[in-house]
Amino acid sequence: MDLNIKRIKRITSHSGLAVYLSYVETTGSEIPRFATIPSPYAFSPTHPVYRDEQGRNVIVVETAHKRYDVFEVPASIIPVPEVQ
């Protein structure tokens, strides 16, 4: 998978993550986890994709204890969600 993602923000608290997530919306899409982004607490094989206030597609990854990195993801690697 193409790894054209870049970190755009680092959040260093649980409350900071809650505030950030209150400003983004879910897209209903998921992408496979990136092996190059360490995530010691990750058990799911995918990342949920969110859309931030600037219209960017982002994922949030806990890279260390209480350290959440927000990465911008290009639309070219996000699958279209299935309509039910």
PDB file of N, CA and C in Angstrom:
ATOM      1  N   MET A   1       0.831  -1.186   0.000  1.00  0.00           N
ATOM      2  CA  MET A   1       0.000   0.000   0.000  1.00  0.00           C
ATOM      3  C   MET A   1       0.871   1.242   0.000  1.00  0.00           C
ATOM      4  N   ASP A   2       0.448   2.245  -0.737  1.00  0.00           N
ATOM      5  CA  ASP A   2       1.165   3.506  -0.826  1.00  0.00           C
ATOM      6  C   ASP A   2       1.131   4.205   0.528  1.00  0.00           C
ATOM      7  N   LEU A   3       2.276   4.647   1.000  1.00  0.00           N
ATOM      8  CA  LEU A   3       2.356   5.265   2.323  1.00  0.00           C
ATOM      9  C   LEU A   3       2.559   6.769   2.191  1.00  0.00           C
ATOM     10  N   ASN A   4       1.663   7.441   1.478  1.00  0.00           N
ATOM     11  CA  ASN A   4       1.728   8.889   1.338  1.00  0.00           C
ATOM     12  C   ASN A   4       0.880   9.564   2.403  1.00  0.00           C
ATOM     13  N   ILE A   5       1.181   9.256   3.647  1.00  0.00           N
ATOM     14  CA  ILE A   5       0.459   9.905   4.730  1.00  0.00           C
ATOM     15  C   ILE A   5       1.456  10.715   5.534  1.00  0.00           C
ATOM     16  N   LYS A   6       0.992  11.819   6.118  1.00  0.00           N
ATOM     17  CA  LYS A   6       1.880  12.633   6.944  1.00  0.00           C
ATOM     18  C   LYS A   6       1.179  13.002   8.232  1.00  0.00           C
ATOM     19  N   ARG A   7       1.956  13.086   9.297  1.00  0.00           N
ATOM     20  CA  ARG A   7       1.397  13.465  10.590  1.00  0.00           C
ATOM     21  C   ARG A   7       1.099  14.952  10.563  1.00  0.00           C
ATOM     22  N   ILE A   8      -0.111  15.312  10.985  1.00  0.00           N
ATOM     23  CA  ILE A   8      -0.490  16.717  10.987  1.00  0.00           C
ATOM     24  C   ILE A   8      -0.739  17.255  12.391  1.00  0.00           C
ATOM     25  N   LYS A   9      -0.826  16.353  13.366  1.00  0.00           N
ATOM     26  CA  LYS A   9      -1.119  16.798  14.726  1.00  0.00           C
ATOM     27  C   LYS A   9      -0.707  15.712  15.715  1.00  0.00           C
ATOM     28  N   ARG A  10      -0.303  16.138  16.909  1.00  0.00           N
ATOM     29  CA  ARG A  10      -0.048  15.208  18.013  1.00  0.00           C
ATOM     30  C   ARG A  10      -0.875  15.659  19.205  1.00  0.00           C
ATOM     31  N   ILE A  11      -1.621  14.732  19.777  1.00  0.00           N
ATOM     32  CA  ILE A  11      -2.469  14.993  20.929  1.00  0.00           C
ATOM     33  C   ILE A  11      -1.890  14.204  22.092  1.00  0.00           C
ATOM     34  N   THR A  12      -1.725  14.861  23.251  1.00  0.00           N
ATOM     35  CA  THR A  12      -1.006  14.211  24.350  1.00  0.00           C
ATOM     36  C   THR A  12      -1.862  13.948  25.589  1.00  0.00           C
ATOM     37  N   SER A  13      -3.168  13.822  25.409  1.00  0.00           N
ATOM     38  CA  SER A  13      -4.013  13.490  26.554  1.00  0.00           C
ATOM     39  C   SER A  13      -5.308  12.847  26.073  1.00  0.00           C
ATOM     40  N   HIS A  14      -5.945  12.117  26.987  1.00  0.00           N
ATOM     41  CA  HIS A  14      -7.226  11.502  26.653  1.00  0.00           C
ATOM     42  C   HIS A  14      -8.296  12.571  26.432  1.00  0.00           C
ATOM     43  N   SER A  15      -8.286  13.610  27.262  1.00  0.00           N
ATOM     44  CA  SER A  15      -9.283  14.671  27.098  1.00  0.00           C
ATOM     45  C   SER A  15      -9.044  15.450  25.809  1.00  0.00           C
ATOM     46  N   GLY A  16      -7.796  15.637  25.440  1.00  0.00           N
ATOM     47  CA  GLY A  16      -7.483  16.299  24.174  1.00  0.00           C
ATOM     48  C   GLY A  16      -7.990  15.494  22.994  1.00  0.00           C
ATOM     49  N   LEU A  17      -7.873  14.174  23.080  1.00  0.00           N
ATOM     50  CA  LEU A  17      -8.399  13.309  22.017  1.00  0.00           C
ATOM     51  C   LEU A  17      -9.913  13.428  21.941  1.00  0.00           C
ATOM     52  N   ALA A  18     -10.579  13.453  23.080  1.00  0.00           N
ATOM     53  CA  ALA A  18     -12.036  13.573  23.097  1.00  0.00           C
ATOM     54  C   ALA A  18     -12.484  14.887  22.456  1.00  0.00           C
ATOM     55  N   VAL A  19     -11.790  15.964  22.769  1.00  0.00           N
ATOM     56  CA  VAL A  19     -12.127  17.257  22.168  1.00  0.00           C
ATOM     57  C   VAL A  19     -11.903  17.205  20.658  1.00  0.00           C
ATOM     58  N   TYR A  20     -10.773  16.649  20.224  1.00  0.00           N
ATOM     59  CA  TYR A  20     -10.490  16.559  18.789  1.00  0.00           C
ATOM     60  C   TYR A  20     -11.557  15.739  18.070  1.00  0.00           C
ATOM     61  N   LEU A  21     -11.904  14.588  18.638  1.00  0.00           N
ATOM     62  CA  LEU A  21     -12.898  13.727  17.996  1.00  0.00           C
ATOM     63  C   LEU A  21     -14.285  14.366  17.961  1.00  0.00           C
ATOM     64  N   SER A  22     -14.539  15.326  18.833  1.00  0.00           N
ATOM     65  CA  SER A  22     -15.834  16.012  18.792  1.00  0.00           C
ATOM     66  C   SER A  22     -15.933  16.963  17.602  1.00  0.00           C
ATOM     67  N   TYR A  23     -14.797  17.320  17.007  1.00  0.00           N
ATOM     68  CA  TYR A  23     -14.789  18.232  15.873  1.00  0.00           C
ATOM     69  C   TYR A  23     -14.668  17.536  14.521  1.00  0.00           C
ATOM     70  N   VAL A  24     -14.418  16.242  14.509  1.00  0.00           N
ATOM     71  CA  VAL A  24     -14.312  15.519  13.237  1.00  0.00           C
ATOM     72  C   VAL A  24     -15.558  14.669  13.044  1.00  0.00           C
ATOM     73  N   GLU A  25     -15.781  14.257  11.819  1.00  0.00           N
ATOM     74  CA  GLU A  25     -16.921  13.382  11.548  1.00  0.00           C
ATOM     75  C   GLU A  25     -16.424  12.091  10.915  1.00  0.00           C
ATOM     76  N   THR A  26     -17.132  11.029  11.164  1.00  0.00           N
ATOM     77  CA  THR A  26     -16.746   9.741  10.607  1.00  0.00           C
ATOM     78  C   THR A  26     -17.162   9.677   9.141  1.00  0.00           C
ATOM     79  N   THR A  27     -16.375   8.979   8.347  1.00  0.00           N
ATOM     80  CA  THR A  27     -16.696   8.830   6.926  1.00  0.00           C
ATOM     81  C   THR A  27     -17.353   7.494   6.642  1.00  0.00           C
ATOM     82  N   GLY A  28     -17.279   6.573   7.603  1.00  0.00           N
ATOM     83  CA  GLY A  28     -17.810   5.230   7.381  1.00  0.00           C
ATOM     84  C   GLY A  28     -16.829   4.329   6.654  1.00  0.00           C
ATOM     85  N   SER A  29     -15.648   4.840   6.361  1.00  0.00           N
ATOM     86  CA  SER A  29     -14.621   4.056   5.670  1.00  0.00           C
ATOM     87  C   SER A  29     -13.551   3.610   6.653  1.00  0.00           C
ATOM     88  N   GLU A  30     -12.854   2.560   6.277  1.00  0.00           N
ATOM     89  CA  GLU A  30     -11.709   2.077   7.044  1.00  0.00           C
ATOM     90  C   GLU A  30     -10.601   1.745   6.075  1.00  0.00           C
ATOM     91  N   ILE A  31      -9.367   1.850   6.550  1.00  0.00           N
ATOM     92  CA  ILE A  31      -8.220   1.446   5.747  1.00  0.00           C
ATOM     93  C   ILE A  31      -7.395   0.468   6.566  1.00  0.00           C
ATOM     94  N   PRO A  32      -6.633  -0.395   5.913  1.00  0.00           N
ATOM     95  CA  PRO A  32      -5.784  -1.339   6.657  1.00  0.00           C
ATOM     96  C   PRO A  32      -4.736  -0.605   7.487  1.00  0.00           C
ATOM     97  N   ARG A  33      -4.346  -1.200   8.598  1.00  0.00           N
ATOM     98  CA  ARG A  33      -3.298  -0.610   9.439  1.00  0.00           C
ATOM     99  C   ARG A  33      -1.987  -0.546   8.667  1.00  0.00           C
ATOM    100  N   PHE A  34      -1.205   0.475   8.969  1.00  0.00           N
ATOM    101  CA  PHE A  34       0.109   0.646   8.376  1.00  0.00           C
ATOM    102  C   PHE A  34       1.141   0.025   9.303  1.00  0.00           C
ATOM    103  N   ALA A  35       1.911  -0.903   8.796  1.00  0.00           N
ATOM    104  CA  ALA A  35       2.932  -1.564   9.615  1.00  0.00           C
ATOM    105  C   ALA A  35       4.033  -0.589  10.019  1.00  0.00           C
ATOM    106  N   THR A  36       4.216   0.477   9.276  1.00  0.00           N
ATOM    107  CA  THR A  36       5.275   1.438   9.567  1.00  0.00           C
ATOM    108  C   THR A  36       4.906   2.440  10.655  1.00  0.00           C
ATOM    109  N   ILE A  37       3.635   2.454  11.076  1.00  0.00           N
ATOM    110  CA  ILE A  37       3.209   3.325  12.176  1.00  0.00           C
ATOM    111  C   ILE A  37       3.047   2.459  13.414  1.00  0.00           C
ATOM    112  N   PRO A  38       3.926   2.616  14.408  1.00  0.00           N
ATOM    113  CA  PRO A  38       3.820   1.785  15.605  1.00  0.00           C
ATOM    114  C   PRO A  38       2.566   2.111  16.399  1.00  0.00           C
ATOM    115  N   SER A  39       1.900   1.076  16.866  1.00  0.00           N
ATOM    116  CA  SER A  39       0.690   1.261  17.659  1.00  0.00           C
ATOM    117  C   SER A  39       0.608   0.122  18.673  1.00  0.00           C
ATOM    118  N   PRO A  40       1.188   0.313  19.861  1.00  0.00           N
ATOM    119  CA  PRO A  40       1.272  -0.781  20.829  1.00  0.00           C
ATOM    120  C   PRO A  40      -0.065  -1.265  21.374  1.00  0.00           C
ATOM    121  N   TYR A  41      -1.122  -0.456  21.243  1.00  0.00           N
ATOM    122  CA  TYR A  41      -2.412  -0.849  21.808  1.00  0.00           C
ATOM    123  C   TYR A  41      -3.420  -1.232  20.734  1.00  0.00           C
ATOM    124  N   ALA A  42      -2.981  -1.428  19.518  1.00  0.00           N
ATOM    125  CA  ALA A  42      -3.904  -1.694  18.406  1.00  0.00           C
ATOM    126  C   ALA A  42      -4.180  -3.187  18.271  1.00  0.00           C
ATOM    127  N   PHE A  43      -5.448  -3.528  18.184  1.00  0.00           N
ATOM    128  CA  PHE A  43      -5.837  -4.915  17.975  1.00  0.00           C
ATOM    129  C   PHE A  43      -6.674  -5.082  16.716  1.00  0.00           C
ATOM    130  N   SER A  44      -7.250  -4.017  16.220  1.00  0.00           N
ATOM    131  CA  SER A  44      -8.060  -4.063  15.011  1.00  0.00           C
ATOM    132  C   SER A  44      -7.147  -4.059  13.785  1.00  0.00           C
ATOM    133  N   PRO A  45      -7.524  -4.743  12.717  1.00  0.00           N
ATOM    134  CA  PRO A  45      -6.694  -4.741  11.499  1.00  0.00           C
ATOM    135  C   PRO A  45      -6.885  -3.493  10.646  1.00  0.00           C
ATOM    136  N   THR A  46      -7.772  -2.583  11.079  1.00  0.00           N
ATOM    137  CA  THR A  46      -8.052  -1.393  10.270  1.00  0.00           C
ATOM    138  C   THR A  46      -8.047  -0.120  11.114  1.00  0.00           C
ATOM    139  N   HIS A  47      -7.950   1.026  10.413  1.00  0.00           N
ATOM    140  CA  HIS A  47      -8.099   2.351  11.019  1.00  0.00           C
ATOM    141  C   HIS A  47      -9.410   2.946  10.530  1.00  0.00           C
ATOM    142  N   PRO A  48     -10.244   3.483  11.410  1.00  0.00           N
ATOM    143  CA  PRO A  48     -11.408   4.237  10.917  1.00  0.00           C
ATOM    144  C   PRO A  48     -10.931   5.577  10.345  1.00  0.00           C
ATOM    145  N   VAL A  49     -11.584   6.020   9.299  1.00  0.00           N
ATOM    146  CA  VAL A  49     -11.212   7.276   8.644  1.00  0.00           C
ATOM    147  C   VAL A  49     -12.208   8.352   9.046  1.00  0.00           C
ATOM    148  N   TYR A  50     -11.670   9.516   9.424  1.00  0.00           N
ATOM    149  CA  TYR A  50     -12.483  10.666   9.811  1.00  0.00           C
ATOM    150  C   TYR A  50     -12.250  11.801   8.819  1.00  0.00           C
ATOM    151  N   ARG A  51     -13.140  12.795   8.824  1.00  0.00           N
ATOM    152  CA  ARG A  51     -12.954  14.009   8.033  1.00  0.00           C
ATOM    153  C   ARG A  51     -12.880  15.170   9.010  1.00  0.00           C
ATOM    154  N   ASP A  52     -11.785  15.940   8.924  1.00  0.00           N
ATOM    155  CA  ASP A  52     -11.613  17.045   9.864  1.00  0.00           C
ATOM    156  C   ASP A  52     -12.281  18.316   9.344  1.00  0.00           C
ATOM    157  N   GLU A  53     -12.134  19.401  10.092  1.00  0.00           N
ATOM    158  CA  GLU A  53     -12.810  20.655   9.751  1.00  0.00           C
ATOM    159  C   GLU A  53     -12.317  21.273   8.448  1.00  0.00           C
ATOM    160  N   GLN A  54     -11.092  20.939   8.029  1.00  0.00           N
ATOM    161  CA  GLN A  54     -10.556  21.451   6.767  1.00  0.00           C
ATOM    162  C   GLN A  54     -10.915  20.555   5.586  1.00  0.00           C
ATOM    163  N   GLY A  55     -11.668  19.495   5.833  1.00  0.00           N
ATOM    164  CA  GLY A  55     -12.075  18.588   4.760  1.00  0.00           C
ATOM    165  C   GLY A  55     -11.055  17.511   4.434  1.00  0.00           C
ATOM    166  N   ARG A  56     -10.027  17.370   5.274  1.00  0.00           N
ATOM    167  CA  ARG A  56      -9.000  16.345   5.049  1.00  0.00           C
ATOM    168  C   ARG A  56      -9.456  15.017   5.635  1.00  0.00           C
ATOM    169  N   ASN A  57      -9.086  13.924   4.972  1.00  0.00           N
ATOM    170  CA  ASN A  57      -9.302  12.584   5.518  1.00  0.00           C
ATOM    171  C   ASN A  57      -8.157  12.298   6.478  1.00  0.00           C
ATOM    172  N   VAL A  58      -8.498  11.873   7.697  1.00  0.00           N
ATOM    173  CA  VAL A  58      -7.472  11.638   8.710  1.00  0.00           C
ATOM    174  C   VAL A  58      -7.727  10.326   9.437  1.00  0.00           C
ATOM    175  N   ILE A  59      -6.660   9.777  10.009  1.00  0.00           N
ATOM    176  CA  ILE A  59      -6.753   8.650  10.926  1.00  0.00           C
ATOM    177  C   ILE A  59      -6.056   9.059  12.219  1.00  0.00           C
ATOM    178  N   VAL A  60      -6.473   8.458  13.324  1.00  0.00           N
ATOM    179  CA  VAL A  60      -5.875   8.739  14.632  1.00  0.00           C
ATOM    180  C   VAL A  60      -5.257   7.442  15.136  1.00  0.00           C
ATOM    181  N   VAL A  61      -3.973   7.506  15.493  1.00  0.00           N
ATOM    182  CA  VAL A  61      -3.250   6.322  15.950  1.00  0.00           C
ATOM    183  C   VAL A  61      -2.593   6.627  17.286  1.00  0.00           C
ATOM    184  N   GLU A  62      -2.826   5.765  18.284  1.00  0.00           N
ATOM    185  CA  GLU A  62      -2.137   5.917  19.561  1.00  0.00           C
ATOM    186  C   GLU A  62      -0.757   5.282  19.406  1.00  0.00           C
ATOM    187  N   THR A  63       0.263   6.122  19.277  1.00  0.00           N
ATOM    188  CA  THR A  63       1.613   5.627  19.014  1.00  0.00           C
ATOM    189  C   THR A  63       2.407   5.345  20.277  1.00  0.00           C
ATOM    190  N   ALA A  64       1.954   5.852  21.408  1.00  0.00           N
ATOM    191  CA  ALA A  64       2.551   5.584  22.710  1.00  0.00           C
ATOM    192  C   ALA A  64       1.482   5.894  23.754  1.00  0.00           C
ATOM    193  N   HIS A  65       1.782   5.613  25.006  1.00  0.00           N
ATOM    194  CA  HIS A  65       0.785   5.834  26.055  1.00  0.00           C
ATOM    195  C   HIS A  65       0.348   7.294  26.090  1.00  0.00           C
ATOM    196  N   LYS A  66      -0.946   7.543  25.889  1.00  0.00           N
ATOM    197  CA  LYS A  66      -1.550   8.876  25.867  1.00  0.00           C
ATOM    198  C   LYS A  66      -0.921   9.797  24.828  1.00  0.00           C
ATOM    199  N   ARG A  67      -0.420   9.253  23.743  1.00  0.00           N
ATOM    200  CA  ARG A  67       0.116  10.076  22.650  1.00  0.00           C
ATOM    201  C   ARG A  67      -0.571   9.630  21.363  1.00  0.00           C
ATOM    202  N   TYR A  68      -1.423  10.479  20.860  1.00  0.00           N
ATOM    203  CA  TYR A  68      -2.212  10.176  19.674  1.00  0.00           C
ATOM    204  C   TYR A  68      -1.708  11.032  18.518  1.00  0.00           C
ATOM    205  N   ASP A  69      -1.333  10.391  17.423  1.00  0.00           N
ATOM    206  CA  ASP A  69      -0.905  11.107  16.238  1.00  0.00           C
ATOM    207  C   ASP A  69      -2.022  11.077  15.211  1.00  0.00           C
ATOM    208  N   VAL A  70      -2.278  12.232  14.622  1.00  0.00           N
ATOM    209  CA  VAL A  70      -3.294  12.370  13.590  1.00  0.00           C
ATOM    210  C   VAL A  70      -2.561  12.450  12.252  1.00  0.00           C
ATOM    211  N   PHE A  71      -2.929  11.555  11.340  1.00  0.00           N
ATOM    212  CA  PHE A  71      -2.293  11.490  10.033  1.00  0.00           C
ATOM    213  C   PHE A  71      -3.291  11.838   8.944  1.00  0.00           C
ATOM    214  N   GLU A  72      -2.849  12.636   7.968  1.00  0.00           N
ATOM    215  CA  GLU A  72      -3.674  12.930   6.800  1.00  0.00           C
ATOM    216  C   GLU A  72      -3.515  11.781   5.807  1.00  0.00           C
ATOM    217  N   VAL A  73      -4.633  11.321   5.270  1.00  0.00           N
ATOM    218  CA  VAL A  73      -4.627  10.190   4.347  1.00  0.00           C
ATOM    219  C   VAL A  73      -5.179  10.652   3.007  1.00  0.00           C
ATOM    220  N   PRO A  74      -4.455  10.414   1.918  1.00  0.00           N
ATOM    221  CA  PRO A  74      -4.983  10.813   0.615  1.00  0.00           C
ATOM    222  C   PRO A  74      -6.231  10.014   0.243  1.00  0.00           C
ATOM    223  N   ALA A  75      -7.156  10.659  -0.423  1.00  0.00           N
ATOM    224  CA  ALA A  75      -8.413  10.014  -0.804  1.00  0.00           C
ATOM    225  C   ALA A  75      -8.194   8.836  -1.738  1.00  0.00           C
ATOM    226  N   SER A  76      -7.065   8.793  -2.406  1.00  0.00           N
ATOM    227  CA  SER A  76      -6.809   7.719  -3.373  1.00  0.00           C
ATOM    228  C   SER A  76      -6.672   6.346  -2.728  1.00  0.00           C
ATOM    229  N   ILE A  77      -6.393   6.271  -1.415  1.00  0.00           N
ATOM    230  CA  ILE A  77      -6.255   4.954  -0.782  1.00  0.00           C
ATOM    231  C   ILE A  77      -7.440   4.591   0.104  1.00  0.00           C
ATOM    232  N   ILE A  78      -8.481   5.435   0.128  1.00  0.00           N
ATOM    233  CA  ILE A  78      -9.637   5.173   0.962  1.00  0.00           C
ATOM    234  C   ILE A  78     -10.722   4.501   0.139  1.00  0.00           C
ATOM    235  N   PRO A  79     -11.131   3.300   0.533  1.00  0.00           N
ATOM    236  CA  PRO A  79     -12.204   2.629  -0.215  1.00  0.00           C
ATOM    237  C   PRO A  79     -13.548   3.297   0.030  1.00  0.00           C
ATOM    238  N   VAL A  80     -14.405   3.202  -0.934  1.00  0.00           N
ATOM    239  CA  VAL A  80     -15.753   3.748  -0.799  1.00  0.00           C
ATOM    240  C   VAL A  80     -16.552   2.791   0.093  1.00  0.00           C
ATOM    241  N   PRO A  81     -17.261   3.311   1.110  1.00  0.00           N
ATOM    242  CA  PRO A  81     -18.028   2.425   1.982  1.00  0.00           C
ATOM    243  C   PRO A  81     -19.190   1.765   1.231  1.00  0.00           C
ATOM    244  N   GLU A  82     -19.524   0.555   1.637  1.00  0.00           N
ATOM    245  CA  GLU A  82     -20.627  -0.160   1.013  1.00  0.00           C
ATOM    246  C   GLU A  82     -21.948   0.433   1.477  1.00  0.00           C
ATOM    247  N   VAL A  83     -22.888   0.543   0.549  1.00  0.00           N
ATOM    248  CA  VAL A  83     -24.217   1.043   0.877  1.00  0.00           C
ATOM    249  C   VAL A  83     -25.093  -0.134   1.207  1.00  0.00           C
ATOM    250  N   GLN A  84     -25.793  -0.076   2.330  1.00  0.00           N
ATOM    251  CA  GLN A  84     -26.632  -1.203   2.753  1.00  0.00           C
ATOM    252  C   GLN A  84     -28.089  -0.908   2.532  1.00  0.00           C
TER     253      GLN A  84
END
